[in-house]
C-alpha atoms as a PDB file:
ATOM      1  CA  MET A   1      30.160  80.413  43.224  1.00  0.00           C
ATOM      2  CA  HIS A   2      31.979  78.825  46.178  1.00  0.00           C
ATOM      3  CA  ALA A   3      36.065  79.804  47.342  1.00  0.00           C
ATOM      4  CA  VAL A   4      38.097  80.102  44.108  1.00  0.00           C
ATOM      5  CA  LEU A   5      40.059  76.394  43.619  1.00  0.00           C
ATOM      6  CA  ASP A   6      43.802  76.035  42.486  1.00  0.00           C
ATOM      7  CA  ASP A   7      44.413  76.042  38.522  1.00  0.00           C
ATOM      8  CA  CYS A   8      45.676  72.401  39.128  1.00  0.00           C
ATOM      9  CA  GLU A   9      41.922  71.195  40.340  1.00  0.00           C
ATOM     10  CA  LYS A  10      39.873  73.044  37.877  1.00  0.00           C
ATOM     11  CA  ARG A  11      37.533  70.770  35.660  1.00  0.00           C
ATOM     12  CA  ARG A  12      37.394  71.308  32.143  1.00  0.00           C
ATOM     13  CA  LEU A  13      34.126  72.510  30.630  1.00  0.00           C
ATOM     14  CA  THR A  14      34.286  71.592  26.625  1.00  0.00           C
ATOM     15  CA  GLU A  15      30.478  69.919  26.440  1.00  0.00           C
ATOM     16  CA  ARG A  16      27.577  72.249  25.669  1.00  0.00           C
ATOM     17  CA  VAL A  17      25.305  71.065  27.885  1.00  0.00           C
ATOM     18  CA  ASP A  18      27.875  71.383  30.849  1.00  0.00           C
ATOM     19  CA  ILE A  19      28.511  74.874  30.056  1.00  0.00           C
ATOM     20  CA  GLN A  20      24.889  75.418  29.959  1.00  0.00           C
ATOM     21  CA  THR A  21      24.401  73.960  33.366  1.00  0.00           C
ATOM     22  CA  ALA A  22      27.118  76.268  34.588  1.00  0.00           C
ATOM     23  CA  VAL A  23      25.305  79.152  33.114  1.00  0.00           C
ATOM     24  CA  ASP A  24      22.253  78.366  34.650  1.00  0.00           C
ATOM     25  CA  ILE A  25      23.329  77.471  37.806  1.00  0.00           C
ATOM     26  CA  LEU A  26      25.017  81.071  37.841  1.00  0.00           C
ATOM     27  CA  GLU A  27      21.642  82.587  36.570  1.00  0.00           C
ATOM     28  CA  SER A  28      19.830  81.371  38.759  1.00  0.00           C
ATOM     29  CA  ARG A  29      22.052  82.620  41.860  1.00  0.00           C
ATOM     30  CA  GLY A  30      21.904  86.210  40.568  1.00  0.00           C
ATOM     31  CA  VAL A  31      24.903  86.442  38.341  1.00  0.00           C
ATOM     32  CA  ARG A  32      24.781  88.786  35.520  1.00  0.00           C
ATOM     33  CA  ARG A  33      25.331  87.890  32.132  1.00  0.00           C
ATOM     34  CA  ASP A  34      27.956  90.233  31.963  1.00  0.00           C
ATOM     35  CA  ASP A  35      29.743  88.525  34.658  1.00  0.00           C
ATOM     36  CA  LEU A  36      29.416  84.870  33.921  1.00  0.00           C
ATOM     37  CA  LEU A  37      32.528  84.291  32.309  1.00  0.00           C
ATOM     38  CA  THR A  38      34.601  85.979  35.153  1.00  0.00           C
ATOM     39  CA  GLU A  39      32.187  83.552  37.421  1.00  0.00           C
ATOM     40  CA  ILE A  40      32.723  80.389  35.579  1.00  0.00           C
ATOM     41  CA  THR A  41      36.337  80.756  34.847  1.00  0.00           C
ATOM     42  CA  LYS A  42      37.073  80.858  38.466  1.00  0.00           C
ATOM     43  CA  VAL A  43      36.053  77.550  38.893  1.00  0.00           C
ATOM     44  CA  PHE A  44      36.450  75.854  35.461  1.00  0.00           C
ATOM     45  CA  TYR A  45      38.646  75.815  32.390  1.00  0.00           C
ATOM     46  CA  VAL A  46      35.928  76.955  29.776  1.00  0.00           C
ATOM     47  CA  ASP A  47      36.095  76.257  26.044  1.00  0.00           C
ATOM     48  CA  LEU A  48      35.290  79.791  24.900  1.00  0.00           C
ATOM     49  CA  ASP A  49      34.098  79.099  21.638  1.00  0.00           C
ATOM     50  CA  GLU A  50      31.333  76.742  22.897  1.00  0.00           C
ATOM     51  CA  PHE A  51      30.552  79.325  25.730  1.00  0.00           C
ATOM     52  CA  ASN A  52      30.141  82.023  23.146  1.00  0.00           C
ATOM     53  CA  ARG A  53      27.735  79.518  21.129  1.00  0.00           C
ATOM     54  CA  VAL A  54      25.742  78.629  24.569  1.00  0.00           C
ATOM     55  CA  LEU A  55      25.311  82.654  25.184  1.00  0.00           C
ATOM     56  CA  ARG A  56      24.460  83.323  21.722  1.00  0.00           C
ATOM     57  CA  LEU A  57      21.560  80.405  21.640  1.00  0.00           C
ATOM     58  CA  SER A  58      20.273  81.517  24.829  1.00  0.00           C
END
């Protein structure tokens, strides 16, 4: 993804559809599944329970 933002500028991802969209974008850019959490948390605050549900369902 792009440059890391300051923590105060991070958007919160709590909805499944938003997390799924972010995961889809990262995967389309070649991010490996093992690296998704690291990459997504560089840009967003993520509901980890929902993130794990998204990964289990996909």
